[in-house]
Amino acid sequence: MQNAWWAYWEARALQEPGQNGICRFIPSLQVSNWAKTIHGWIELVVKCNNAISICENPVYRRHVRLDPINRKTLRRYIIKLADIVGLLIKETIGPGNCIADAWSCAGVHYFAIKH
């Protein structure tokens, strides 16, 4: 997913030469606290290989500096993110059948696409 994310911002930087390719580095961009909360919880679930239910765990919430969120809401945003990544992959590799697989080995995460 990270490669698709970087590819998207690199392509956007080429289309808009006067802009910095990565929006989080644009000083005038204001990111809402809700967006930061969603990003933080998705990062904890995806990158740390946790269950979605950790966002409702009182012990976990006590040690995390993120606003509380419901697991159904978090699940909805993860599905939206997966749809966006799917569209980016479709735009990049074109029409046709696509099989994707992801796995981890010794702390390294892999993502394969067969087109």
PDB file of N, CA and C in Angstrom:
ATOM      1  N   MET A   1       0.822  -1.176   0.000  1.00  0.00           N
ATOM      2  CA  MET A   1       0.000   0.000   0.000  1.00  0.00           C
ATOM      3  C   MET A   1       0.873   1.249   0.000  1.00  0.00           C
ATOM      4  N   GLN A   2       2.025   1.202   0.665  1.00  0.00           N
ATOM      5  CA  GLN A   2       2.872   2.375   0.702  1.00  0.00           C
ATOM      6  C   GLN A   2       3.398   2.732  -0.681  1.00  0.00           C
ATOM      7  N   ASN A   3       3.744   1.738  -1.494  1.00  0.00           N
ATOM      8  CA  ASN A   3       4.251   2.027  -2.838  1.00  0.00           C
ATOM      9  C   ASN A   3       3.183   2.710  -3.683  1.00  0.00           C
ATOM     10  N   ALA A   4       1.924   2.263  -3.559  1.00  0.00           N
ATOM     11  CA  ALA A   4       0.838   2.910  -4.306  1.00  0.00           C
ATOM     12  C   ALA A   4       0.652   4.339  -3.829  1.00  0.00           C
ATOM     13  N   TRP A   5       0.802   4.554  -2.515  1.00  0.00           N
ATOM     14  CA  TRP A   5       0.640   5.888  -1.955  1.00  0.00           C
ATOM     15  C   TRP A   5       1.724   6.818  -2.485  1.00  0.00           C
ATOM     16  N   TRP A   6       2.982   6.352  -2.462  1.00  0.00           N
ATOM     17  CA  TRP A   6       4.081   7.185  -2.966  1.00  0.00           C
ATOM     18  C   TRP A   6       3.948   7.411  -4.466  1.00  0.00           C
ATOM     19  N   ALA A   7       3.541   6.382  -5.207  1.00  0.00           N
ATOM     20  CA  ALA A   7       3.372   6.527  -6.657  1.00  0.00           C
ATOM     21  C   ALA A   7       2.304   7.573  -6.970  1.00  0.00           C
ATOM     22  N   TYR A   8       1.236   7.558  -6.192  1.00  0.00           N
ATOM     23  CA  TYR A   8       0.165   8.546  -6.396  1.00  0.00           C
ATOM     24  C   TYR A   8       0.690   9.962  -6.196  1.00  0.00           C
ATOM     25  N   TRP A   9       1.438  10.207  -5.092  1.00  0.00           N
ATOM     26  CA  TRP A   9       1.917  11.558  -4.824  1.00  0.00           C
ATOM     27  C   TRP A   9       3.018  11.980  -5.781  1.00  0.00           C
ATOM     28  N   GLU A  10       3.824  11.045  -6.249  1.00  0.00           N
ATOM     29  CA  GLU A  10       4.839  11.382  -7.243  1.00  0.00           C
ATOM     30  C   GLU A  10       4.180  11.769  -8.565  1.00  0.00           C
ATOM     31  N   ALA A  11       3.147  11.032  -8.963  1.00  0.00           N
ATOM     32  CA  ALA A  11       2.428  11.368 -10.193  1.00  0.00           C
ATOM     33  C   ALA A  11       1.736  12.717 -10.049  1.00  0.00           C
ATOM     34  N   ARG A  12       1.189  12.974  -8.888  1.00  0.00           N
ATOM     35  CA  ARG A  12       0.517  14.258  -8.659  1.00  0.00           C
ATOM     36  C   ARG A  12       1.526  15.404  -8.694  1.00  0.00           C
ATOM     37  N   ALA A  13       2.723  15.171  -8.172  1.00  0.00           N
ATOM     38  CA  ALA A  13       3.758  16.203  -8.195  1.00  0.00           C
ATOM     39  C   ALA A  13       4.168  16.527  -9.629  1.00  0.00           C
ATOM     40  N   LEU A  14       4.185  15.522 -10.498  1.00  0.00           N
ATOM     41  CA  LEU A  14       4.527  15.761 -11.895  1.00  0.00           C
ATOM     42  C   LEU A  14       3.438  16.551 -12.608  1.00  0.00           C
ATOM     43  N   GLN A  15       2.164  16.311 -12.236  1.00  0.00           N
ATOM     44  CA  GLN A  15       1.051  17.029 -12.860  1.00  0.00           C
ATOM     45  C   GLN A  15       0.977  18.466 -12.382  1.00  0.00           C
ATOM     46  N   GLU A  16       1.367  18.711 -11.120  1.00  0.00           N
ATOM     47  CA  GLU A  16       1.331  20.049 -10.548  1.00  0.00           C
ATOM     48  C   GLU A  16       2.751  20.462 -10.149  1.00  0.00           C
ATOM     49  N   PRO A  17       3.557  20.936 -11.112  1.00  0.00           N
ATOM     50  CA  PRO A  17       4.968  21.185 -10.823  1.00  0.00           C
ATOM     51  C   PRO A  17       5.227  22.246  -9.761  1.00  0.00           C
ATOM     52  N   GLY A  18       4.314  23.182  -9.561  1.00  0.00           N
ATOM     53  CA  GLY A  18       4.530  24.223  -8.560  1.00  0.00           C
ATOM     54  C   GLY A  18       4.213  23.781  -7.149  1.00  0.00           C
ATOM     55  N   GLN A  19       3.598  22.621  -6.986  1.00  0.00           N
ATOM     56  CA  GLN A  19       3.179  22.145  -5.674  1.00  0.00           C
ATOM     57  C   GLN A  19       4.170  21.127  -5.134  1.00  0.00           C
ATOM     58  N   ASN A  20       4.238  21.040  -3.830  1.00  0.00           N
ATOM     59  CA  ASN A  20       4.991  19.969  -3.200  1.00  0.00           C
ATOM     60  C   ASN A  20       4.170  18.692  -3.359  1.00  0.00           C
ATOM     61  N   GLY A  21       4.783  17.584  -3.735  1.00  0.00           N
ATOM     62  CA  GLY A  21       4.043  16.357  -4.015  1.00  0.00           C
ATOM     63  C   GLY A  21       3.351  15.744  -2.825  1.00  0.00           C
ATOM     64  N   ILE A  22       3.808  15.985  -1.640  1.00  0.00           N
ATOM     65  CA  ILE A  22       3.206  15.360  -0.466  1.00  0.00           C
ATOM     66  C   ILE A  22       2.447  16.424   0.301  1.00  0.00           C
ATOM     67  N   CYS A  23       1.126  16.255   0.390  1.00  0.00           N
ATOM     68  CA  CYS A  23       0.306  17.296   0.994  1.00  0.00           C
ATOM     69  C   CYS A  23       0.583  17.567   2.440  1.00  0.00           C
ATOM     70  N   ARG A  24       1.028  16.572   3.201  1.00  0.00           N
ATOM     71  CA  ARG A  24       1.218  16.820   4.620  1.00  0.00           C
ATOM     72  C   ARG A  24       2.351  17.803   4.874  1.00  0.00           C
ATOM     73  N   PHE A  25       3.185  18.086   3.867  1.00  0.00           N
ATOM     74  CA  PHE A  25       4.263  19.032   4.032  1.00  0.00           C
ATOM     75  C   PHE A  25       3.893  20.434   3.549  1.00  0.00           C
ATOM     76  N   ILE A  26       2.692  20.607   3.041  1.00  0.00           N
ATOM     77  CA  ILE A  26       2.248  21.929   2.599  1.00  0.00           C
ATOM     78  C   ILE A  26       1.814  22.695   3.843  1.00  0.00           C
ATOM     79  N   PRO A  27       2.468  23.822   4.179  1.00  0.00           N
ATOM     80  CA  PRO A  27       2.168  24.504   5.430  1.00  0.00           C
ATOM     81  C   PRO A  27       0.744  25.040   5.513  1.00  0.00           C
ATOM     82  N   SER A  28       0.142  25.416   4.398  1.00  0.00           N
ATOM     83  CA  SER A  28      -1.185  26.012   4.445  1.00  0.00           C
ATOM     84  C   SER A  28      -2.292  24.967   4.617  1.00  0.00           C
ATOM     85  N   LEU A  29      -1.966  23.689   4.517  1.00  0.00           N
ATOM     86  CA  LEU A  29      -2.972  22.645   4.628  1.00  0.00           C
ATOM     87  C   LEU A  29      -3.331  22.415   6.085  1.00  0.00           C
ATOM     88  N   GLN A  30      -4.610  22.538   6.394  1.00  0.00           N
ATOM     89  CA  GLN A  30      -5.093  22.298   7.749  1.00  0.00           C
ATOM     90  C   GLN A  30      -5.771  20.935   7.794  1.00  0.00           C
ATOM     91  N   VAL A  31      -5.257  20.036   8.596  1.00  0.00           N
ATOM     92  CA  VAL A  31      -5.825  18.708   8.740  1.00  0.00           C
ATOM     93  C   VAL A  31      -6.646  18.688  10.024  1.00  0.00           C
ATOM     94  N   SER A  32      -7.882  18.213   9.918  1.00  0.00           N
ATOM     95  CA  SER A  32      -8.759  18.192  11.083  1.00  0.00           C
ATOM     96  C   SER A  32      -8.305  17.148  12.095  1.00  0.00           C
ATOM     97  N   ASN A  33      -8.714  17.347  13.333  1.00  0.00           N
ATOM     98  CA  ASN A  33      -8.381  16.383  14.378  1.00  0.00           C
ATOM     99  C   ASN A  33      -9.030  15.033  14.096  1.00  0.00           C
ATOM    100  N   TRP A  34     -10.219  15.050  13.498  1.00  0.00           N
ATOM    101  CA  TRP A  34     -10.901  13.796  13.156  1.00  0.00           C
ATOM    102  C   TRP A  34     -10.090  13.005  12.127  1.00  0.00           C
ATOM    103  N   ALA A  35      -9.558  13.682  11.132  1.00  0.00           N
ATOM    104  CA  ALA A  35      -8.739  13.000  10.117  1.00  0.00           C
ATOM    105  C   ALA A  35      -7.473  12.434  10.752  1.00  0.00           C
ATOM    106  N   LYS A  36      -6.857  13.177  11.678  1.00  0.00           N
ATOM    107  CA  LYS A  36      -5.676  12.675  12.376  1.00  0.00           C
ATOM    108  C   LYS A  36      -6.017  11.447  13.219  1.00  0.00           C
ATOM    109  N   THR A  37      -7.197  11.470  13.845  1.00  0.00           N
ATOM    110  CA  THR A  37      -7.635  10.331  14.651  1.00  0.00           C
ATOM    111  C   THR A  37      -7.834   9.098  13.782  1.00  0.00           C
ATOM    112  N   ILE A  38      -8.528   9.265  12.662  1.00  0.00           N
ATOM    113  CA  ILE A  38      -8.780   8.145  11.757  1.00  0.00           C
ATOM    114  C   ILE A  38      -7.444   7.596  11.244  1.00  0.00           C
ATOM    115  N   HIS A  39      -6.555   8.477  10.819  1.00  0.00           N
ATOM    116  CA  HIS A  39      -5.248   8.050  10.312  1.00  0.00           C
ATOM    117  C   HIS A  39      -4.473   7.277  11.376  1.00  0.00           C
ATOM    118  N   GLY A  40      -4.474   7.774  12.608  1.00  0.00           N
ATOM    119  CA  GLY A  40      -3.754   7.116  13.681  1.00  0.00           C
ATOM    120  C   GLY A  40      -4.278   5.729  13.994  1.00  0.00           C
ATOM    121  N   TRP A  41      -5.605   5.585  14.057  1.00  0.00           N
ATOM    122  CA  TRP A  41      -6.179   4.267  14.354  1.00  0.00           C
ATOM    123  C   TRP A  41      -5.962   3.290  13.203  1.00  0.00           C
ATOM    124  N   ILE A  42      -6.103   3.765  11.963  1.00  0.00           N
ATOM    125  CA  ILE A  42      -5.858   2.885  10.818  1.00  0.00           C
ATOM    126  C   ILE A  42      -4.396   2.440  10.806  1.00  0.00           C
ATOM    127  N   GLU A  43      -3.505   3.355  11.114  1.00  0.00           N
ATOM    128  CA  GLU A  43      -2.084   3.006  11.160  1.00  0.00           C
ATOM    129  C   GLU A  43      -1.806   1.957  12.234  1.00  0.00           C
ATOM    130  N   LEU A  44      -2.428   2.103  13.412  1.00  0.00           N
ATOM    131  CA  LEU A  44      -2.238   1.129  14.483  1.00  0.00           C
ATOM    132  C   LEU A  44      -2.786  -0.247  14.106  1.00  0.00           C
ATOM    133  N   VAL A  45      -3.902  -0.271  13.398  1.00  0.00           N
ATOM    134  CA  VAL A  45      -4.492  -1.552  13.017  1.00  0.00           C
ATOM    135  C   VAL A  45      -3.694  -2.202  11.897  1.00  0.00           C
ATOM    136  N   VAL A  46      -3.386  -1.442  10.849  1.00  0.00           N
ATOM    137  CA  VAL A  46      -2.765  -2.017   9.661  1.00  0.00           C
ATOM    138  C   VAL A  46      -1.276  -2.293   9.862  1.00  0.00           C
ATOM    139  N   LYS A  47      -0.518  -1.302  10.292  1.00  0.00           N
ATOM    140  CA  LYS A  47       0.933  -1.463  10.400  1.00  0.00           C
ATOM    141  C   LYS A  47       1.352  -2.356  11.560  1.00  0.00           C
ATOM    142  N   CYS A  48       0.561  -2.377  12.630  1.00  0.00           N
ATOM    143  CA  CYS A  48       0.914  -3.200  13.792  1.00  0.00           C
ATOM    144  C   CYS A  48       0.174  -4.523  13.804  1.00  0.00           C
ATOM    145  N   ASN A  49      -0.578  -4.797  12.748  1.00  0.00           N
ATOM    146  CA  ASN A  49      -1.276  -6.070  12.600  1.00  0.00           C
ATOM    147  C   ASN A  49      -2.181  -6.362  13.800  1.00  0.00           C
ATOM    148  N   ASN A  50      -2.985  -5.364  14.180  1.00  0.00           N
ATOM    149  CA  ASN A  50      -3.908  -5.498  15.296  1.00  0.00           C
ATOM    150  C   ASN A  50      -5.329  -5.720  14.795  1.00  0.00           C
ATOM    151  N   ALA A  51      -6.178  -6.172  15.692  1.00  0.00           N
ATOM    152  CA  ALA A  51      -7.598  -6.313  15.375  1.00  0.00           C
ATOM    153  C   ALA A  51      -8.258  -4.937  15.414  1.00  0.00           C
ATOM    154  N   ILE A  52      -9.342  -4.789  14.685  1.00  0.00           N
ATOM    155  CA  ILE A  52     -10.052  -3.504  14.668  1.00  0.00           C
ATOM    156  C   ILE A  52     -10.622  -3.185  16.049  1.00  0.00           C
ATOM    157  N   SER A  53     -10.901  -4.197  16.829  1.00  0.00           N
ATOM    158  CA  SER A  53     -11.515  -3.986  18.141  1.00  0.00           C
ATOM    159  C   SER A  53     -10.579  -3.312  19.149  1.00  0.00           C
ATOM    160  N   ILE A  54      -9.292  -3.120  18.826  1.00  0.00           N
ATOM    161  CA  ILE A  54      -8.389  -2.470  19.785  1.00  0.00           C
ATOM    162  C   ILE A  54      -8.816  -1.044  20.077  1.00  0.00           C
ATOM    163  N   CYS A  55      -9.530  -0.420  19.141  1.00  0.00           N
ATOM    164  CA  CYS A  55      -9.943   0.963  19.361  1.00  0.00           C
ATOM    165  C   CYS A  55     -10.987   1.076  20.470  1.00  0.00           C
ATOM    166  N   GLU A  56     -11.618  -0.045  20.865  1.00  0.00           N
ATOM    167  CA  GLU A  56     -12.589  -0.031  21.958  1.00  0.00           C
ATOM    168  C   GLU A  56     -12.028  -0.627  23.245  1.00  0.00           C
ATOM    169  N   ASN A  57     -10.787  -1.058  23.225  1.00  0.00           N
ATOM    170  CA  ASN A  57     -10.161  -1.651  24.397  1.00  0.00           C
ATOM    171  C   ASN A  57      -9.758  -0.537  25.373  1.00  0.00           C
ATOM    172  N   PRO A  58     -10.292  -0.556  26.611  1.00  0.00           N
ATOM    173  CA  PRO A  58      -9.993   0.547  27.542  1.00  0.00           C
ATOM    174  C   PRO A  58      -8.517   0.652  27.913  1.00  0.00           C
ATOM    175  N   VAL A  59      -7.812  -0.460  28.010  1.00  0.00           N
ATOM    176  CA  VAL A  59      -6.385  -0.428  28.343  1.00  0.00           C
ATOM    177  C   VAL A  59      -5.598   0.198  27.189  1.00  0.00           C
ATOM    178  N   TYR A  60      -5.922  -0.195  25.972  1.00  0.00           N
ATOM    179  CA  TYR A  60      -5.240   0.352  24.798  1.00  0.00           C
ATOM    180  C   TYR A  60      -5.503   1.842  24.684  1.00  0.00           C
ATOM    181  N   ARG A  61      -6.767   2.244  24.886  1.00  0.00           N
ATOM    182  CA  ARG A  61      -7.113   3.664  24.796  1.00  0.00           C
ATOM    183  C   ARG A  61      -6.370   4.505  25.828  1.00  0.00           C
ATOM    184  N   ARG A  62      -6.132   3.932  27.003  1.00  0.00           N
ATOM    185  CA  ARG A  62      -5.453   4.673  28.064  1.00  0.00           C
ATOM    186  C   ARG A  62      -4.013   5.006  27.674  1.00  0.00           C
ATOM    187  N   HIS A  63      -3.384   4.181  26.847  1.00  0.00           N
ATOM    188  CA  HIS A  63      -1.976   4.367  26.493  1.00  0.00           C
ATOM    189  C   HIS A  63      -1.766   4.994  25.108  1.00  0.00           C
ATOM    190  N   VAL A  64      -2.839   5.342  24.435  1.00  0.00           N
ATOM    191  CA  VAL A  64      -2.747   5.922  23.095  1.00  0.00           C
ATOM    192  C   VAL A  64      -3.275   7.348  23.144  1.00  0.00           C
ATOM    193  N   ARG A  65      -2.567   8.262  22.496  1.00  0.00           N
ATOM    194  CA  ARG A  65      -2.994   9.667  22.478  1.00  0.00           C
ATOM    195  C   ARG A  65      -3.870   9.969  21.272  1.00  0.00           C
ATOM    196  N   LEU A  66      -4.874   9.172  21.081  1.00  0.00           N
ATOM    197  CA  LEU A  66      -5.831   9.401  20.001  1.00  0.00           C
ATOM    198  C   LEU A  66      -7.226   9.503  20.595  1.00  0.00           C
ATOM    199  N   ASP A  67      -8.084  10.273  19.929  1.00  0.00           N
ATOM    200  CA  ASP A  67      -9.462  10.356  20.391  1.00  0.00           C
ATOM    201  C   ASP A  67     -10.125   8.991  20.258  1.00  0.00           C
ATOM    202  N   PRO A  68     -11.093   8.693  21.130  1.00  0.00           N
ATOM    203  CA  PRO A  68     -11.782   7.406  21.024  1.00  0.00           C
ATOM    204  C   PRO A  68     -12.605   7.313  19.743  1.00  0.00           C
ATOM    205  N   ILE A  69     -12.768   6.090  19.256  1.00  0.00           N
ATOM    206  CA  ILE A  69     -13.532   5.854  18.042  1.00  0.00           C
ATOM    207  C   ILE A  69     -14.207   4.486  18.167  1.00  0.00           C
ATOM    208  N   ASN A  70     -15.322   4.334  17.521  1.00  0.00           N
ATOM    209  CA  ASN A  70     -16.063   3.081  17.514  1.00  0.00           C
ATOM    210  C   ASN A  70     -15.468   2.156  16.465  1.00  0.00           C
ATOM    211  N   ARG A  71     -15.461   0.845  16.722  1.00  0.00           N
ATOM    212  CA  ARG A  71     -14.870  -0.088  15.746  1.00  0.00           C
ATOM    213  C   ARG A  71     -15.654  -0.141  14.444  1.00  0.00           C
ATOM    214  N   LYS A  72     -16.974   0.091  14.493  1.00  0.00           N
ATOM    215  CA  LYS A  72     -17.767   0.095  13.249  1.00  0.00           C
ATOM    216  C   LYS A  72     -17.378   1.287  12.379  1.00  0.00           C
ATOM    217  N   THR A  73     -17.131   2.424  13.006  1.00  0.00           N
ATOM    218  CA  THR A  73     -16.688   3.605  12.262  1.00  0.00           C
ATOM    219  C   THR A  73     -15.307   3.370  11.672  1.00  0.00           C
ATOM    220  N   LEU A  74     -14.399   2.825  12.474  1.00  0.00           N
ATOM    221  CA  LEU A  74     -13.046   2.533  11.992  1.00  0.00           C
ATOM    222  C   LEU A  74     -13.090   1.547  10.844  1.00  0.00           C
ATOM    223  N   ARG A  75     -13.907   0.520  10.942  1.00  0.00           N
ATOM    224  CA  ARG A  75     -14.052  -0.482   9.870  1.00  0.00           C
ATOM    225  C   ARG A  75     -14.536   0.177   8.577  1.00  0.00           C
ATOM    226  N   ARG A  76     -15.497   1.093   8.703  1.00  0.00           N
ATOM    227  CA  ARG A  76     -16.026   1.791   7.528  1.00  0.00           C
ATOM    228  C   ARG A  76     -14.925   2.585   6.815  1.00  0.00           C
ATOM    229  N   TYR A  77     -14.068   3.263   7.585  1.00  0.00           N
ATOM    230  CA  TYR A  77     -12.993   4.040   6.972  1.00  0.00           C
ATOM    231  C   TYR A  77     -11.912   3.144   6.372  1.00  0.00           C
ATOM    232  N   ILE A  78     -11.636   2.002   6.990  1.00  0.00           N
ATOM    233  CA  ILE A  78     -10.661   1.067   6.414  1.00  0.00           C
ATOM    234  C   ILE A  78     -11.172   0.524   5.088  1.00  0.00           C
ATOM    235  N   ILE A  79     -12.470   0.236   5.015  1.00  0.00           N
ATOM    236  CA  ILE A  79     -13.058  -0.235   3.746  1.00  0.00           C
ATOM    237  C   ILE A  79     -12.970   0.856   2.684  1.00  0.00           C
ATOM    238  N   LYS A  80     -13.240   2.105   3.064  1.00  0.00           N
ATOM    239  CA  LYS A  80     -13.112   3.214   2.102  1.00  0.00           C
ATOM    240  C   LYS A  80     -11.676   3.347   1.602  1.00  0.00           C
ATOM    241  N   LEU A  81     -10.718   3.210   2.517  1.00  0.00           N
ATOM    242  CA  LEU A  81      -9.306   3.284   2.132  1.00  0.00           C
ATOM    243  C   LEU A  81      -8.949   2.158   1.169  1.00  0.00           C
ATOM    244  N   ALA A  82      -9.443   0.953   1.443  1.00  0.00           N
ATOM    245  CA  ALA A  82      -9.177  -0.179   0.546  1.00  0.00           C
ATOM    246  C   ALA A  82      -9.778   0.069  -0.832  1.00  0.00           C
ATOM    247  N   ASP A  83     -10.958   0.674  -0.892  1.00  0.00           N
ATOM    248  CA  ASP A  83     -11.562   1.010  -2.183  1.00  0.00           C
ATOM    249  C   ASP A  83     -10.710   2.017  -2.954  1.00  0.00           C
ATOM    250  N   ILE A  84     -10.185   3.018  -2.260  1.00  0.00           N
ATOM    251  CA  ILE A  84      -9.345   4.030  -2.913  1.00  0.00           C
ATOM    252  C   ILE A  84      -8.064   3.395  -3.442  1.00  0.00           C
ATOM    253  N   VAL A  85      -7.446   2.538  -2.621  1.00  0.00           N
ATOM    254  CA  VAL A  85      -6.221   1.864  -3.066  1.00  0.00           C
ATOM    255  C   VAL A  85      -6.523   0.976  -4.267  1.00  0.00           C
ATOM    256  N   GLY A  86      -7.675   0.292  -4.240  1.00  0.00           N
ATOM    257  CA  GLY A  86      -8.075  -0.532  -5.380  1.00  0.00           C
ATOM    258  C   GLY A  86      -8.229   0.284  -6.648  1.00  0.00           C
ATOM    259  N   LEU A  87      -8.816   1.472  -6.542  1.00  0.00           N
ATOM    260  CA  LEU A  87      -8.960   2.344  -7.714  1.00  0.00           C
ATOM    261  C   LEU A  87      -7.606   2.818  -8.226  1.00  0.00           C
ATOM    262  N   LEU A  88      -6.689   3.142  -7.305  1.00  0.00           N
ATOM    263  CA  LEU A  88      -5.346   3.558  -7.726  1.00  0.00           C
ATOM    264  C   LEU A  88      -4.624   2.426  -8.450  1.00  0.00           C
ATOM    265  N   ILE A  89      -4.769   1.214  -7.945  1.00  0.00           N
ATOM    266  CA  ILE A  89      -4.145   0.062  -8.601  1.00  0.00           C
ATOM    267  C   ILE A  89      -4.769  -0.149  -9.976  1.00  0.00           C
ATOM    268  N   LYS A  90      -6.083  -0.014 -10.060  1.00  0.00           N
ATOM    269  CA  LYS A  90      -6.775  -0.196 -11.342  1.00  0.00           C
ATOM    270  C   LYS A  90      -6.315   0.847 -12.358  1.00  0.00           C
ATOM    271  N   GLU A  91      -6.168   2.096 -11.920  1.00  0.00           N
ATOM    272  CA  GLU A  91      -5.687   3.148 -12.821  1.00  0.00           C
ATOM    273  C   GLU A  91      -4.260   2.875 -13.280  1.00  0.00           C
ATOM    274  N   THR A  92      -3.443   2.354 -12.373  1.00  0.00           N
ATOM    275  CA  THR A  92      -2.033   2.140 -12.670  1.00  0.00           C
ATOM    276  C   THR A  92      -1.807   0.983 -13.626  1.00  0.00           C
ATOM    277  N   ILE A  93      -2.497  -0.132 -13.409  1.00  0.00           N
ATOM    278  CA  ILE A  93      -2.221  -1.316 -14.220  1.00  0.00           C
ATOM    279  C   ILE A  93      -3.231  -1.555 -15.324  1.00  0.00           C
ATOM    280  N   GLY A  94      -4.307  -0.794 -15.374  1.00  0.00           N
ATOM    281  CA  GLY A  94      -5.264  -0.913 -16.462  1.00  0.00           C
ATOM    282  C   GLY A  94      -6.329  -1.966 -16.227  1.00  0.00           C
ATOM    283  N   PRO A  95      -7.224  -2.128 -17.215  1.00  0.00           N
ATOM    284  CA  PRO A  95      -8.331  -3.074 -17.048  1.00  0.00           C
ATOM    285  C   PRO A  95      -7.852  -4.527 -17.111  1.00  0.00           C
ATOM    286  N   GLY A  96      -8.658  -5.414 -16.562  1.00  0.00           N
ATOM    287  CA  GLY A  96      -8.341  -6.840 -16.578  1.00  0.00           C
ATOM    288  C   GLY A  96      -8.550  -7.451 -15.212  1.00  0.00           C
ATOM    289  N   ASN A  97      -8.280  -8.712 -15.113  1.00  0.00           N
ATOM    290  CA  ASN A  97      -8.411  -9.409 -13.839  1.00  0.00           C
ATOM    291  C   ASN A  97      -7.181  -9.140 -12.983  1.00  0.00           C
ATOM    292  N   CYS A  98      -7.389  -9.050 -11.695  1.00  0.00           N
ATOM    293  CA  CYS A  98      -6.302  -8.731 -10.784  1.00  0.00           C
ATOM    294  C   CYS A  98      -6.449  -9.572  -9.524  1.00  0.00           C
ATOM    295  N   ILE A  99      -5.362 -10.155  -9.086  1.00  0.00           N
ATOM    296  CA  ILE A  99      -5.334 -10.905  -7.839  1.00  0.00           C
ATOM    297  C   ILE A  99      -4.293 -10.241  -6.948  1.00  0.00           C
ATOM    298  N   ALA A 100      -4.663  -9.971  -5.709  1.00  0.00           N
ATOM    299  CA  ALA A 100      -3.739  -9.342  -4.768  1.00  0.00           C
ATOM    300  C   ALA A 100      -3.575 -10.241  -3.554  1.00  0.00           C
ATOM    301  N   ASP A 101      -2.373 -10.258  -3.013  1.00  0.00           N
ATOM    302  CA  ASP A 101      -2.094 -11.049  -1.828  1.00  0.00           C
ATOM    303  C   ASP A 101      -1.104 -10.272  -0.969  1.00  0.00           C
ATOM    304  N   ALA A 102      -1.266 -10.396   0.338  1.00  0.00           N
ATOM    305  CA  ALA A 102      -0.357  -9.730   1.264  1.00  0.00           C
ATOM    306  C   ALA A 102       0.059 -10.721   2.343  1.00  0.00           C
ATOM    307  N   TRP A 103       1.305 -10.602   2.790  1.00  0.00           N
ATOM    308  CA  TRP A 103       1.791 -11.472   3.851  1.00  0.00           C
ATOM    309  C   TRP A 103       2.942 -10.785   4.565  1.00  0.00           C
ATOM    310  N   SER A 104       3.253 -11.296   5.739  1.00  0.00           N
ATOM    311  CA  SER A 104       4.361 -10.774   6.535  1.00  0.00           C
ATOM    312  C   SER A 104       5.303 -11.912   6.885  1.00  0.00           C
ATOM    313  N   CYS A 105       6.587 -11.605   6.915  1.00  0.00           N
ATOM    314  CA  CYS A 105       7.582 -12.602   7.287  1.00  0.00           C
ATOM    315  C   CYS A 105       8.714 -11.884   8.026  1.00  0.00           C
ATOM    316  N   ALA A 106       8.954 -12.285   9.254  1.00  0.00           N
ATOM    317  CA  ALA A 106      10.024 -11.705  10.069  1.00  0.00           C
ATOM    318  C   ALA A 106       9.922 -10.186  10.171  1.00  0.00           C
ATOM    319  N   GLY A 107       8.709  -9.672  10.321  1.00  0.00           N
ATOM    320  CA  GLY A 107       8.500  -8.241  10.485  1.00  0.00           C
ATOM    321  C   GLY A 107       8.518  -7.438   9.197  1.00  0.00           C
ATOM    322  N   VAL A 108       8.687  -8.096   8.051  1.00  0.00           N
ATOM    323  CA  VAL A 108       8.674  -7.415   6.764  1.00  0.00           C
ATOM    324  C   VAL A 108       7.339  -7.718   6.099  1.00  0.00           C
ATOM    325  N   HIS A 109       6.672  -6.686   5.603  1.00  0.00           N
ATOM    326  CA  HIS A 109       5.373  -6.864   4.980  1.00  0.00           C
ATOM    327  C   HIS A 109       5.519  -6.846   3.465  1.00  0.00           C
ATOM    328  N   TYR A 110       4.835  -7.767   2.814  1.00  0.00           N
ATOM    329  CA  TYR A 110       4.897  -7.892   1.351  1.00  0.00           C
ATOM    330  C   TYR A 110       3.488  -7.776   0.775  1.00  0.00           C
ATOM    331  N   PHE A 111       3.405  -7.231  -0.420  1.00  0.00           N
ATOM    332  CA  PHE A 111       2.136  -7.109  -1.140  1.00  0.00           C
ATOM    333  C   PHE A 111       2.396  -7.440  -2.599  1.00  0.00           C
ATOM    334  N   ALA A 112       1.667  -8.412  -3.130  1.00  0.00           N
ATOM    335  CA  ALA A 112       1.879  -8.839  -4.516  1.00  0.00           C
ATOM    336  C   ALA A 112       0.602  -8.632  -5.307  1.00  0.00           C
ATOM    337  N   ILE A 113       0.779  -8.238  -6.566  1.00  0.00           N
ATOM    338  CA  ILE A 113      -0.357  -8.068  -7.482  1.00  0.00           C
ATOM    339  C   ILE A 113      -0.073  -8.888  -8.723  1.00  0.00           C
ATOM    340  N   LYS A 114      -1.008  -9.724  -9.101  1.00  0.00           N
ATOM    341  CA  LYS A 114      -0.909 -10.523 -10.344  1.00  0.00           C
ATOM    342  C   LYS A 114      -1.959 -10.002 -11.280  1.00  0.00           C
ATOM    343  N   HIS A 115      -1.552  -9.531 -12.438  1.00  0.00           N
ATOM    344  CA  HIS A 115      -2.487  -8.948 -13.403  1.00  0.00           C
ATOM    345  C   HIS A 115      -2.489  -9.803 -14.657  1.00  0.00           C
TER     346      HIS A 115
END
